[in-house]
Structure formats: C-alpha cells, structure tokens
Amino acid sequence: MTGHQLAVGAVLRRGKDVLLISDPPDWALPGGAVEAGEPLLARVAQEAGYASVLAERLLWVARYPAGGVEYEMLGFEVTGVGPHDDSGAWVPLAEAVDRLSRMWFAPIREPAVAYLTGRARVATLWTWTDLNEPAVTHPRVSSA
C-alpha cells in the first residue's frame, strides 16, 4: 500500500427524512475524502448545504483498500448549522435505505444501510481486506 486516506460520511436527519446527495448513478451520504489540513466535517457541511455541521455521534469506522491506498472512513450522525441551501434531497427513511442499498460501493452502502435499519450499533468497525469479499464487523452486525 502506498498511503493512508481519511474519509468521512454523515447521516443528517430532518424528522423522519434523511439527506442524500446525487452521485450518479447512485445516491450517497454527504461526505468524501478529507484533504490534509481540512477540518474533518468540512466536506460533509459543503455537500450537505450547511455552513457547518455538528457531530452528534460516531456511527461507524470503515477500513478498506482501494487503488493501493488504505482508506479509513468515519461515519457520523450530524446536525446542520445555519440555513440549508437545498443541496441534495430529503427522502423518507425507507426510500433512503432503498436508494443506498443499490449503491455499488460497499464501504458506504453496508454501514449506512445497517445503521439506518437498526442492524448495527453505533461505533461499529467494518473491515474489508478485499472489496470483493464481505466485511468483518466488530461488534457483529445482524443479517438483513
């Protein structure tokens, strides 16, 4: 492996709705790679359409290799601060789960769907040694 990259994703709720960002052909949670010196949740706030966001709790850590880089993605539940600029789409929870379930990228899809459906506890560690194989989780995640 040639390096390490930190990434972040977030669940934002408004009542029973979840904010999703269009990432053609999929829908995703707001977030992305964190650049050196960038505040951890700045990318989430930008994609979510808020001036800033406050982390409420850590939902998951996903570790996976991709393109010779070791990634560590932190998933948070966050609250937006300030007015929302209408970025993304607020969708009902069941629809958000359905859209995320069809996403091709397992390190976002699996933790997000498991958390939103109540199958995973907060602060679950997801580890992939190969993205073509299932993740190992600690603690264990119940099956769908």
Protein backbone atom coordinates (compact mmCIF):
# COMPACT_ATOMS: atom_id res chain seq x y z
CA MET A 1 0.00 0.00 0.00
CA THR A 2 1.24 3.47 -0.83
CA GLY A 3 -0.57 5.60 1.71
CA HIS A 4 -3.45 6.29 4.03
CA GLN A 5 -6.53 8.41 3.27
CA LEU A 6 -9.13 9.61 5.75
CA ALA A 7 -12.70 10.00 4.51
CA VAL A 8 -15.94 10.97 6.19
CA GLY A 9 -19.65 10.39 5.57
CA ALA A 10 -22.65 11.55 7.53
CA VAL A 11 -26.27 10.85 8.25
CA LEU A 12 -28.35 14.03 8.51
CA ARG A 13 -32.00 13.76 9.51
CA ARG A 14 -34.91 16.14 9.30
CA GLY A 15 -37.77 14.49 11.16
CA LYS A 16 -38.11 11.07 9.54
CA ASP A 17 -36.23 12.10 6.38
CA VAL A 18 -32.56 11.53 5.53
CA LEU A 19 -30.45 13.81 3.33
CA LEU A 20 -28.95 12.07 0.28
CA ILE A 21 -26.61 13.53 -2.32
CA SER A 22 -26.81 12.57 -6.00
CA ASP A 23 -23.67 10.69 -7.04
CA PRO A 24 -24.71 9.36 -10.49
CA PRO A 25 -25.74 6.69 -10.99
CA ASP A 26 -26.17 6.34 -7.20
CA TRP A 27 -27.32 8.31 -4.20
CA ALA A 28 -24.88 8.71 -1.31
CA LEU A 29 -24.49 10.30 2.07
CA PRO A 30 -22.75 13.68 2.12
CA GLY A 31 -19.00 13.43 2.63
CA GLY A 32 -15.83 12.37 0.90
CA ALA A 33 -12.06 12.32 1.23
CA VAL A 34 -10.57 14.68 3.80
CA GLU A 35 -7.60 16.66 2.47
CA ALA A 36 -4.55 17.41 4.64
CA GLY A 37 -5.34 20.34 6.91
CA GLU A 38 -9.07 20.29 6.09
CA PRO A 39 -11.45 20.25 9.08
CA LEU A 40 -12.87 16.74 9.44
CA LEU A 41 -16.51 17.60 8.73
CA ALA A 42 -15.99 20.49 6.27
CA ARG A 43 -16.68 18.25 3.24
CA VAL A 44 -19.90 16.99 4.85
CA ALA A 45 -21.10 20.54 5.53
CA GLN A 46 -20.28 21.64 1.98
CA GLU A 47 -22.04 18.69 0.32
CA ALA A 48 -24.97 18.85 2.73
CA GLY A 49 -25.54 22.55 2.05
CA TYR A 50 -24.90 23.91 5.53
CA ALA A 51 -22.42 26.50 6.82
CA SER A 52 -21.18 23.82 9.21
CA VAL A 53 -22.29 20.63 10.91
CA LEU A 54 -22.01 19.35 14.46
CA ALA A 55 -21.10 15.71 15.08
CA GLU A 56 -23.69 14.06 17.32
CA ARG A 57 -22.11 10.59 17.44
CA LEU A 58 -19.76 8.24 15.64
CA LEU A 59 -21.79 5.62 13.75
CA TRP A 60 -19.09 3.54 12.06
CA VAL A 61 -15.49 3.23 11.02
CA ALA A 62 -14.92 1.52 7.65
CA ARG A 63 -11.41 0.40 6.70
CA TYR A 64 -10.71 -0.75 3.16
CA PRO A 65 -8.01 -0.86 0.47
CA ALA A 66 -8.56 0.83 -2.88
CA GLY A 67 -6.07 1.70 -5.61
CA GLY A 68 -3.06 0.96 -3.42
CA VAL A 69 -4.30 3.24 -0.62
CA GLU A 70 -5.64 2.25 2.80
CA TYR A 71 -8.84 4.20 3.50
CA GLU A 72 -10.46 4.86 6.83
CA MET A 73 -13.97 6.31 6.58
CA LEU A 74 -15.62 7.74 9.66
CA GLY A 75 -19.42 7.81 9.59
CA PHE A 76 -21.15 10.33 11.85
CA GLU A 77 -24.67 11.39 12.64
CA VAL A 78 -24.56 15.18 12.36
CA THR A 79 -26.79 18.23 12.72
CA GLY A 80 -26.63 21.05 10.19
CA VAL A 81 -25.91 24.58 11.43
CA GLY A 82 -27.42 27.61 9.73
CA PRO A 83 -29.81 27.75 6.79
CA HIS A 84 -29.87 24.84 4.34
CA ASP A 85 -29.18 25.74 0.69
CA ASP A 86 -31.43 22.99 -0.75
CA SER A 87 -28.48 20.74 -1.65
CA GLY A 88 -29.33 17.07 -2.05
CA ALA A 89 -32.71 15.51 -1.46
CA TRP A 90 -34.54 14.89 1.80
CA VAL A 91 -36.12 11.47 1.41
CA PRO A 92 -38.17 9.28 3.77
CA LEU A 93 -36.09 6.76 5.71
CA ALA A 94 -37.40 3.72 3.80
CA GLU A 95 -36.60 5.37 0.47
CA ALA A 96 -33.13 6.40 1.69
CA VAL A 97 -32.43 2.78 2.69
CA ASP A 98 -33.67 1.59 -0.71
CA ARG A 99 -31.51 4.08 -2.63
CA LEU A 100 -28.41 3.38 -0.54
CA SER A 101 -28.97 -0.40 -0.84
CA ARG A 102 -28.47 -0.09 -4.60
CA MET A 103 -25.18 1.79 -4.29
CA TRP A 104 -22.23 -0.10 -5.78
CA PHE A 105 -19.66 0.93 -3.13
CA ALA A 106 -19.82 -1.43 -0.13
CA PRO A 107 -17.86 0.71 2.40
CA ILE A 108 -20.63 3.32 2.21
CA ARG A 109 -23.59 1.08 1.40
CA GLU A 110 -23.14 -1.59 4.04
CA PRO A 111 -22.53 0.54 7.16
CA ALA A 112 -25.16 3.13 6.20
CA VAL A 113 -27.91 0.60 5.47
CA ALA A 114 -27.09 -1.48 8.56
CA TYR A 115 -27.22 1.61 10.79
CA LEU A 116 -30.39 3.07 9.25
CA THR A 117 -32.22 -0.28 9.54
CA GLY A 118 -31.14 -0.82 13.14
CA ARG A 119 -28.94 -3.86 12.36
CA ALA A 120 -25.70 -2.19 13.51
CA ARG A 121 -24.85 -0.46 16.75
CA VAL A 122 -23.12 2.90 16.87
CA ALA A 123 -19.32 2.86 16.57
CA THR A 124 -19.23 -0.41 14.61
CA LEU A 125 -15.90 -1.20 12.94
CA TRP A 126 -16.20 -2.51 9.36
CA THR A 127 -13.04 -4.01 7.83
CA TRP A 128 -12.52 -5.14 4.24
CA THR A 129 -9.27 -6.77 3.19
CA ASP A 130 -10.74 -7.14 -0.32
CA LEU A 131 -13.74 -5.15 -1.57
CA ASN A 132 -14.97 -8.24 -3.43
CA GLU A 133 -15.42 -10.04 -0.10
CA PRO A 134 -17.82 -9.35 2.79
CA ALA A 135 -16.65 -7.11 5.61
CA VAL A 136 -15.76 -8.30 9.06
CA THR A 137 -17.61 -6.24 11.70
CA HIS A 138 -16.97 -5.59 15.38
CA PRO A 139 -19.39 -5.92 17.04
CA ARG A 140 -21.19 -8.33 14.74
CA VAL A 141 -23.95 -6.89 12.58
CA SER A 142 -27.18 -8.85 12.39
CA SER A 143 -28.20 -10.16 8.96
CA ALA A 144 -30.78 -8.36 6.82
